[in-house]
Structure formats: C-alpha cells, structure tokens
Amino acid sequence: MWEDELFDEIQKGDKVWYENEQGQTCKGKAVMIGPMGWVVDTGRGVPKVVNEGYNYLGHKKMPGRTPDHLGHFLNSDYGK
C-alpha cells in the first residue's frame, strides 16, 4: 500500500493509488503533471487524472523517480 499521502511530493515514476468512479481503490504510475493533477498510467492503455481533493489516496516513492520540471513550468504562471 501507499506510504505517503502528501500530493505535492509525487514525482514521475511513483506508484499512485486513487479511487475510481465506482469507489474502488486502483493504482498506476505517475507520468506527468497537468493543470488538473497528475496523469497516471493505469497499465490498461487508458490514462487517468489524479487530483488531490478528488480521487487521490496516496503514493509510494519508487526507485528512479524524477521531478517533472517541464510539467511544473508549463502549468505555472511564469511569463503571464
């Protein structure tokens, strides 16, 4: 199960647990951050957006994780 519940600490490659529309606990791999939250690879060919106040349950730090600098830059107010 997940070890950490702080949404701001997720990085690319982490395993993320979320709740789907039916209330089931699911997991996937964090791919990139977008304006609505983290995009997670569910392993079934369908990406899922995980948002902090909506369906996020927790995450586990995985080996080889990296920060998503590009995603944070594209979703910031820099240059606006």
PDB file of N, CA and C in Angstrom:
ATOM      1  N   MET A   1       0.841  -1.191   0.000  1.00  0.00           N
ATOM      2  CA  MET A   1       0.000   0.000   0.000  1.00  0.00           C
ATOM      3  C   MET A   1       0.882   1.249   0.000  1.00  0.00           C
ATOM      4  N   TRP A   2       0.230   2.381  -0.026  1.00  0.00           N
ATOM      5  CA  TRP A   2       0.966   3.632  -0.107  1.00  0.00           C
ATOM      6  C   TRP A   2       1.620   3.982   1.214  1.00  0.00           C
ATOM      7  N   GLU A   3       2.689   4.750   1.114  1.00  0.00           N
ATOM      8  CA  GLU A   3       3.458   5.149   2.287  1.00  0.00           C
ATOM      9  C   GLU A   3       3.305   6.630   2.584  1.00  0.00           C
ATOM     10  N   ASP A   4       2.980   7.415   1.574  1.00  0.00           N
ATOM     11  CA  ASP A   4       2.938   8.859   1.726  1.00  0.00           C
ATOM     12  C   ASP A   4       1.602   9.382   1.227  1.00  0.00           C
ATOM     13  N   GLU A   5       1.090  10.416   1.875  1.00  0.00           N
ATOM     14  CA  GLU A   5      -0.190  10.986   1.478  1.00  0.00           C
ATOM     15  C   GLU A   5      -0.080  12.466   1.139  1.00  0.00           C
ATOM     16  N   LEU A   6       1.121  12.977   0.876  1.00  0.00           N
ATOM     17  CA  LEU A   6       1.297  14.383   0.534  1.00  0.00           C
ATOM     18  C   LEU A   6       1.372  14.504  -0.982  1.00  0.00           C
ATOM     19  N   PHE A   7       0.316  15.023  -1.589  1.00  0.00           N
ATOM     20  CA  PHE A   7       0.167  15.101  -3.045  1.00  0.00           C
ATOM     21  C   PHE A   7       1.316  15.867  -3.692  1.00  0.00           C
ATOM     22  N   ASP A   8       1.810  16.914  -3.045  1.00  0.00           N
ATOM     23  CA  ASP A   8       2.868  17.754  -3.622  1.00  0.00           C
ATOM     24  C   ASP A   8       4.206  17.038  -3.753  1.00  0.00           C
ATOM     25  N   GLU A   9       4.378  15.892  -3.120  1.00  0.00           N
ATOM     26  CA  GLU A   9       5.648  15.169  -3.180  1.00  0.00           C
ATOM     27  C   GLU A   9       5.702  14.119  -4.287  1.00  0.00           C
ATOM     28  N   ILE A  10       4.643  13.966  -5.071  1.00  0.00           N
ATOM     29  CA  ILE A  10       4.645  12.981  -6.159  1.00  0.00           C
ATOM     30  C   ILE A  10       5.645  13.402  -7.226  1.00  0.00           C
ATOM     31  N   GLN A  11       6.377  12.428  -7.775  1.00  0.00           N
ATOM     32  CA  GLN A  11       7.296  12.650  -8.887  1.00  0.00           C
ATOM     33  C   GLN A  11       7.040  11.595  -9.956  1.00  0.00           C
ATOM     34  N   LYS A  12       7.573  11.847 -11.163  1.00  0.00           N
ATOM     35  CA  LYS A  12       7.416  10.880 -12.251  1.00  0.00           C
ATOM     36  C   LYS A  12       7.992   9.534 -11.828  1.00  0.00           C
ATOM     37  N   GLY A  13       7.265   8.480 -12.091  1.00  0.00           N
ATOM     38  CA  GLY A  13       7.712   7.134 -11.761  1.00  0.00           C
ATOM     39  C   GLY A  13       7.157   6.596 -10.459  1.00  0.00           C
ATOM     40  N   ASP A  14       6.568   7.447  -9.627  1.00  0.00           N
ATOM     41  CA  ASP A  14       5.988   6.980  -8.368  1.00  0.00           C
ATOM     42  C   ASP A  14       4.731   6.154  -8.624  1.00  0.00           C
ATOM     43  N   LYS A  15       4.443   5.241  -7.715  1.00  0.00           N
ATOM     44  CA  LYS A  15       3.204   4.471  -7.779  1.00  0.00           C
ATOM     45  C   LYS A  15       2.140   5.265  -7.018  1.00  0.00           C
ATOM     46  N   VAL A  16       1.003   5.513  -7.667  1.00  0.00           N
ATOM     47  CA  VAL A  16      -0.050   6.355  -7.103  1.00  0.00           C
ATOM     48  C   VAL A  16      -1.329   5.534  -6.944  1.00  0.00           C
ATOM     49  N   TRP A  17      -1.953   5.630  -5.772  1.00  0.00           N
ATOM     50  CA  TRP A  17      -3.232   4.985  -5.525  1.00  0.00           C
ATOM     51  C   TRP A  17      -4.322   6.039  -5.609  1.00  0.00           C
ATOM     52  N   TYR A  18      -5.431   5.671  -6.242  1.00  0.00           N
ATOM     53  CA  TYR A  18      -6.554   6.589  -6.414  1.00  0.00           C
ATOM     54  C   TYR A  18      -7.863   5.807  -6.324  1.00  0.00           C
ATOM     55  N   GLU A  19      -8.946   6.546  -6.190  1.00  0.00           N
ATOM     56  CA  GLU A  19     -10.267   5.935  -6.143  1.00  0.00           C
ATOM     57  C   GLU A  19     -10.964   6.184  -7.471  1.00  0.00           C
ATOM     58  N   ASN A  20     -11.482   5.141  -8.102  1.00  0.00           N
ATOM     59  CA  ASN A  20     -12.166   5.322  -9.387  1.00  0.00           C
ATOM     60  C   ASN A  20     -13.625   5.735  -9.166  1.00  0.00           C
ATOM     61  N   GLU A  21     -14.381   5.859 -10.253  1.00  0.00           N
ATOM     62  CA  GLU A  21     -15.759   6.335 -10.188  1.00  0.00           C
ATOM     63  C   GLU A  21     -16.672   5.398  -9.397  1.00  0.00           C
ATOM     64  N   GLN A  22     -16.322   4.128  -9.322  1.00  0.00           N
ATOM     65  CA  GLN A  22     -17.127   3.156  -8.587  1.00  0.00           C
ATOM     66  C   GLN A  22     -16.700   3.027  -7.127  1.00  0.00           C
ATOM     67  N   GLY A  23     -15.716   3.803  -6.702  1.00  0.00           N
ATOM     68  CA  GLY A  23     -15.251   3.760  -5.321  1.00  0.00           C
ATOM     69  C   GLY A  23     -14.203   2.697  -5.050  1.00  0.00           C
ATOM     70  N   GLN A  24     -13.672   2.073  -6.099  1.00  0.00           N
ATOM     71  CA  GLN A  24     -12.652   1.042  -5.931  1.00  0.00           C
ATOM     72  C   GLN A  24     -11.272   1.680  -5.825  1.00  0.00           C
ATOM     73  N   THR A  25     -10.392   1.078  -5.045  1.00  0.00           N
ATOM     74  CA  THR A  25      -9.016   1.536  -4.930  1.00  0.00           C
ATOM     75  C   THR A  25      -8.200   0.953  -6.073  1.00  0.00           C
ATOM     76  N   CYS A  26      -7.549   1.843  -6.852  1.00  0.00           N
ATOM     77  CA  CYS A  26      -6.743   1.437  -8.002  1.00  0.00           C
ATOM     78  C   CYS A  26      -5.364   2.064  -7.875  1.00  0.00           C
ATOM     79  N   LYS A  27      -4.419   1.592  -8.692  1.00  0.00           N
ATOM     80  CA  LYS A  27      -3.077   2.160  -8.667  1.00  0.00           C
ATOM     81  C   LYS A  27      -2.551   2.299 -10.083  1.00  0.00           C
ATOM     82  N   GLY A  28      -1.549   3.178 -10.232  1.00  0.00           N
ATOM     83  CA  GLY A  28      -0.910   3.390 -11.521  1.00  0.00           C
ATOM     84  C   GLY A  28       0.407   4.116 -11.325  1.00  0.00           C
ATOM     85  N   LYS A  29       1.101   4.367 -12.422  1.00  0.00           N
ATOM     86  CA  LYS A  29       2.411   5.012 -12.392  1.00  0.00           C
ATOM     87  C   LYS A  29       2.269   6.469 -12.822  1.00  0.00           C
ATOM     88  N   ALA A  30       2.808   7.395 -12.021  1.00  0.00           N
ATOM     89  CA  ALA A  30       2.757   8.822 -12.344  1.00  0.00           C
ATOM     90  C   ALA A  30       3.604   9.101 -13.577  1.00  0.00           C
ATOM     91  N   VAL A  31       3.013   9.770 -14.576  1.00  0.00           N
ATOM     92  CA  VAL A  31       3.689  10.029 -15.839  1.00  0.00           C
ATOM     93  C   VAL A  31       4.071  11.495 -15.971  1.00  0.00           C
ATOM     94  N   MET A  32       3.119  12.407 -15.745  1.00  0.00           N
ATOM     95  CA  MET A  32       3.388  13.842 -15.858  1.00  0.00           C
ATOM     96  C   MET A  32       2.309  14.608 -15.117  1.00  0.00           C
ATOM     97  N   ILE A  33       2.641  15.851 -14.756  1.00  0.00           N
ATOM     98  CA  ILE A  33       1.664  16.685 -14.077  1.00  0.00           C
ATOM     99  C   ILE A  33       1.011  17.612 -15.092  1.00  0.00           C
ATOM    100  N   GLY A  34      -0.286  17.785 -14.956  1.00  0.00           N
ATOM    101  CA  GLY A  34      -1.043  18.662 -15.833  1.00  0.00           C
ATOM    102  C   GLY A  34      -1.811  19.683 -15.013  1.00  0.00           C
ATOM    103  N   PRO A  35      -2.614  20.509 -15.660  1.00  0.00           N
ATOM    104  CA  PRO A  35      -3.343  21.555 -14.940  1.00  0.00           C
ATOM    105  C   PRO A  35      -4.406  21.006 -13.982  1.00  0.00           C
ATOM    106  N   MET A  36      -4.867  19.789 -14.194  1.00  0.00           N
ATOM    107  CA  MET A  36      -5.903  19.209 -13.336  1.00  0.00           C
ATOM    108  C   MET A  36      -5.352  18.203 -12.329  1.00  0.00           C
ATOM    109  N   GLY A  37      -4.055  17.903 -12.380  1.00  0.00           N
ATOM    110  CA  GLY A  37      -3.455  16.944 -11.464  1.00  0.00           C
ATOM    111  C   GLY A  37      -2.453  16.060 -12.182  1.00  0.00           C
ATOM    112  N   TRP A  38      -2.112  14.935 -11.564  1.00  0.00           N
ATOM    113  CA  TRP A  38      -1.139  14.015 -12.153  1.00  0.00           C
ATOM    114  C   TRP A  38      -1.815  13.065 -13.132  1.00  0.00           C
ATOM    115  N   VAL A  39      -1.188  12.864 -14.287  1.00  0.00           N
ATOM    116  CA  VAL A  39      -1.634  11.863 -15.252  1.00  0.00           C
ATOM    117  C   VAL A  39      -0.976  10.547 -14.858  1.00  0.00           C
ATOM    118  N   VAL A  40      -1.792   9.517 -14.698  1.00  0.00           N
ATOM    119  CA  VAL A  40      -1.332   8.220 -14.213  1.00  0.00           C
ATOM    120  C   VAL A  40      -1.563   7.168 -15.294  1.00  0.00           C
ATOM    121  N   ASP A  41      -0.536   6.351 -15.536  1.00  0.00           N
ATOM    122  CA  ASP A  41      -0.645   5.217 -16.456  1.00  0.00           C
ATOM    123  C   ASP A  41      -1.224   4.049 -15.672  1.00  0.00           C
ATOM    124  N   THR A  42      -2.436   3.646 -16.025  1.00  0.00           N
ATOM    125  CA  THR A  42      -3.112   2.581 -15.289  1.00  0.00           C
ATOM    126  C   THR A  42      -2.681   1.194 -15.735  1.00  0.00           C
ATOM    127  N   GLY A  43      -1.932   1.109 -16.845  1.00  0.00           N
ATOM    128  CA  GLY A  43      -1.486  -0.177 -17.340  1.00  0.00           C
ATOM    129  C   GLY A  43      -2.485  -0.854 -18.252  1.00  0.00           C
ATOM    130  N   ARG A  44      -3.602  -0.211 -18.490  1.00  0.00           N
ATOM    131  CA  ARG A  44      -4.641  -0.776 -19.355  1.00  0.00           C
ATOM    132  C   ARG A  44      -4.814   0.038 -20.632  1.00  0.00           C
ATOM    133  N   GLY A  45      -3.898   0.950 -20.898  1.00  0.00           N
ATOM    134  CA  GLY A  45      -3.975   1.778 -22.093  1.00  0.00           C
ATOM    135  C   GLY A  45      -4.838   3.009 -21.950  1.00  0.00           C
ATOM    136  N   VAL A  46      -5.399   3.229 -20.773  1.00  0.00           N
ATOM    137  CA  VAL A  46      -6.250   4.393 -20.538  1.00  0.00           C
ATOM    138  C   VAL A  46      -5.623   5.234 -19.432  1.00  0.00           C
ATOM    139  N   PRO A  47      -5.223   6.473 -19.733  1.00  0.00           N
ATOM    140  CA  PRO A  47      -4.665   7.319 -18.679  1.00  0.00           C
ATOM    141  C   PRO A  47      -5.763   7.798 -17.735  1.00  0.00           C
ATOM    142  N   LYS A  48      -5.361   8.123 -16.526  1.00  0.00           N
ATOM    143  CA  LYS A  48      -6.294   8.607 -15.509  1.00  0.00           C
ATOM    144  C   LYS A  48      -5.690   9.843 -14.870  1.00  0.00           C
ATOM    145  N   VAL A  49      -6.494  10.873 -14.648  1.00  0.00           N
ATOM    146  CA  VAL A  49      -6.028  12.075 -13.961  1.00  0.00           C
ATOM    147  C   VAL A  49      -6.359  11.935 -12.485  1.00  0.00           C
ATOM    148  N   VAL A  50      -5.335  12.119 -11.645  1.00  0.00           N
ATOM    149  CA  VAL A  50      -5.500  12.020 -10.200  1.00  0.00           C
ATOM    150  C   VAL A  50      -5.337  13.414  -9.618  1.00  0.00           C
ATOM    151  N   ASN A  51      -6.359  13.853  -8.883  1.00  0.00           N
ATOM    152  CA  ASN A  51      -6.387  15.191  -8.314  1.00  0.00           C
ATOM    153  C   ASN A  51      -6.434  15.089  -6.794  1.00  0.00           C
ATOM    154  N   GLU A  52      -5.793  16.030  -6.134  1.00  0.00           N
ATOM    155  CA  GLU A  52      -5.636  15.956  -4.681  1.00  0.00           C
ATOM    156  C   GLU A  52      -6.963  15.928  -3.925  1.00  0.00           C
ATOM    157  N   GLY A  53      -7.862  16.810  -4.209  1.00  0.00           N
ATOM    158  CA  GLY A  53      -9.095  16.880  -3.433  1.00  0.00           C
ATOM    159  C   GLY A  53     -10.207  16.011  -3.968  1.00  0.00           C
ATOM    160  N   TYR A  54      -9.918  15.201  -4.968  1.00  0.00           N
ATOM    161  CA  TYR A  54     -10.984  14.458  -5.643  1.00  0.00           C
ATOM    162  C   TYR A  54     -10.835  12.938  -5.506  1.00  0.00           C
ATOM    163  N   ASN A  55      -9.735  12.379  -6.025  1.00  0.00           N
ATOM    164  CA  ASN A  55      -9.620  10.917  -6.030  1.00  0.00           C
ATOM    165  C   ASN A  55      -8.259  10.389  -5.570  1.00  0.00           C
ATOM    166  N   TYR A  56      -7.395  11.240  -5.070  1.00  0.00           N
ATOM    167  CA  TYR A  56      -6.060  10.824  -4.624  1.00  0.00           C
ATOM    168  C   TYR A  56      -6.138  10.163  -3.253  1.00  0.00           C
ATOM    169  N   LEU A  57      -5.483   9.003  -3.112  1.00  0.00           N
ATOM    170  CA  LEU A  57      -5.430   8.310  -1.830  1.00  0.00           C
ATOM    171  C   LEU A  57      -4.038   8.333  -1.212  1.00  0.00           C
ATOM    172  N   GLY A  58      -3.002   8.141  -2.027  1.00  0.00           N
ATOM    173  CA  GLY A  58      -1.635   8.115  -1.521  1.00  0.00           C
ATOM    174  C   GLY A  58      -0.680   7.688  -2.612  1.00  0.00           C
ATOM    175  N   HIS A  59       0.611   7.690  -2.283  1.00  0.00           N
ATOM    176  CA  HIS A  59       1.607   7.258  -3.266  1.00  0.00           C
ATOM    177  C   HIS A  59       2.796   6.632  -2.557  1.00  0.00           C
ATOM    178  N   LYS A  60       3.602   5.925  -3.341  1.00  0.00           N
ATOM    179  CA  LYS A  60       4.819   5.285  -2.840  1.00  0.00           C
ATOM    180  C   LYS A  60       5.976   5.728  -3.715  1.00  0.00           C
ATOM    181  N   LYS A  61       7.048   6.178  -3.088  1.00  0.00           N
ATOM    182  CA  LYS A  61       8.241   6.601  -3.826  1.00  0.00           C
ATOM    183  C   LYS A  61       8.918   5.371  -4.417  1.00  0.00           C
ATOM    184  N   MET A  62       9.190   5.425  -5.721  1.00  0.00           N
ATOM    185  CA  MET A  62       9.788   4.295  -6.421  1.00  0.00           C
ATOM    186  C   MET A  62      11.218   4.622  -6.836  1.00  0.00           C
ATOM    187  N   PRO A  63      12.081   3.615  -7.010  1.00  0.00           N
ATOM    188  CA  PRO A  63      13.443   3.850  -7.492  1.00  0.00           C
ATOM    189  C   PRO A  63      13.406   4.449  -8.897  1.00  0.00           C
ATOM    190  N   GLY A  64      14.299   5.379  -9.164  1.00  0.00           N
ATOM    191  CA  GLY A  64      14.377   6.002 -10.479  1.00  0.00           C
ATOM    192  C   GLY A  64      13.385   7.128 -10.685  1.00  0.00           C
ATOM    193  N   ARG A  65      12.736   7.582  -9.640  1.00  0.00           N
ATOM    194  CA  ARG A  65      11.767   8.674  -9.770  1.00  0.00           C
ATOM    195  C   ARG A  65      12.486   9.971 -10.104  1.00  0.00           C
ATOM    196  N   THR A  66      11.837  10.841 -10.862  1.00  0.00           N
ATOM    197  CA  THR A  66      12.422  12.127 -11.248  1.00  0.00           C
ATOM    198  C   THR A  66      11.365  13.213 -11.155  1.00  0.00           C
ATOM    199  N   PRO A  67      11.768  14.439 -10.814  1.00  0.00           N
ATOM    200  CA  PRO A  67      10.801  15.537 -10.777  1.00  0.00           C
ATOM    201  C   PRO A  67      10.346  15.912 -12.186  1.00  0.00           C
ATOM    202  N   ASP A  68       9.120  16.381 -12.312  1.00  0.00           N
ATOM    203  CA  ASP A  68       8.575  16.786 -13.611  1.00  0.00           C
ATOM    204  C   ASP A  68       8.737  18.297 -13.766  1.00  0.00           C
ATOM    205  N   HIS A  69       9.959  18.732 -14.084  1.00  0.00           N
ATOM    206  CA  HIS A  69      10.235  20.161 -14.211  1.00  0.00           C
ATOM    207  C   HIS A  69       9.426  20.785 -15.337  1.00  0.00           C
ATOM    208  N   LEU A  70       9.331  20.117 -16.487  1.00  0.00           N
ATOM    209  CA  LEU A  70       8.587  20.658 -17.624  1.00  0.00           C
ATOM    210  C   LEU A  70       7.101  20.810 -17.288  1.00  0.00           C
ATOM    211  N   GLY A  71       6.520  19.831 -16.668  1.00  0.00           N
ATOM    212  CA  GLY A  71       5.110  19.908 -16.296  1.00  0.00           C
ATOM    213  C   GLY A  71       4.828  21.040 -15.334  1.00  0.00           C
ATOM    214  N   HIS A  72       5.701  21.231 -14.347  1.00  0.00           N
ATOM    215  CA  HIS A  72       5.521  22.336 -13.403  1.00  0.00           C
ATOM    216  C   HIS A  72       5.687  23.677 -14.107  1.00  0.00           C
ATOM    217  N   PHE A  73       6.628  23.784 -15.040  1.00  0.00           N
ATOM    218  CA  PHE A  73       6.844  25.028 -15.780  1.00  0.00           C
ATOM    219  C   PHE A  73       5.640  25.347 -16.666  1.00  0.00           C
ATOM    220  N   LEU A  74       5.146  24.361 -17.404  1.00  0.00           N
ATOM    221  CA  LEU A  74       4.022  24.596 -18.310  1.00  0.00           C
ATOM    222  C   LEU A  74       2.736  24.954 -17.574  1.00  0.00           C
ATOM    223  N   ASN A  75       2.596  24.516 -16.337  1.00  0.00           N
ATOM    224  CA  ASN A  75       1.380  24.784 -15.573  1.00  0.00           C
ATOM    225  C   ASN A  75       1.553  25.897 -14.549  1.00  0.00           C
ATOM    226  N   SER A  76       2.631  26.666 -14.655  1.00  0.00           N
ATOM    227  CA  SER A  76       2.862  27.772 -13.728  1.00  0.00           C
ATOM    228  C   SER A  76       2.392  29.081 -14.364  1.00  0.00           C
ATOM    229  N   ASP A  77       2.464  30.152 -13.609  1.00  0.00           N
ATOM    230  CA  ASP A  77       2.090  31.477 -14.104  1.00  0.00           C
ATOM    231  C   ASP A  77       3.292  32.227 -14.657  1.00  0.00           C
ATOM    232  N   TYR A  78       4.397  31.545 -14.893  1.00  0.00           N
ATOM    233  CA  TYR A  78       5.611  32.183 -15.381  1.00  0.00           C
ATOM    234  C   TYR A  78       5.380  32.781 -16.767  1.00  0.00           C
ATOM    235  N   GLY A  79       5.671  34.066 -16.913  1.00  0.00           N
ATOM    236  CA  GLY A  79       5.575  34.741 -18.205  1.00  0.00           C
ATOM    237  C   GLY A  79       4.183  35.211 -18.570  1.00  0.00           C
ATOM    238  N   LYS A  80       3.239  35.095 -17.673  1.00  0.00           N
ATOM    239  CA  LYS A  80       1.870  35.539 -17.990  1.00  0.00           C
ATOM    240  C   LYS A  80       1.618  36.933 -17.495  1.00  0.00           C
TER     241      LYS A  80
END
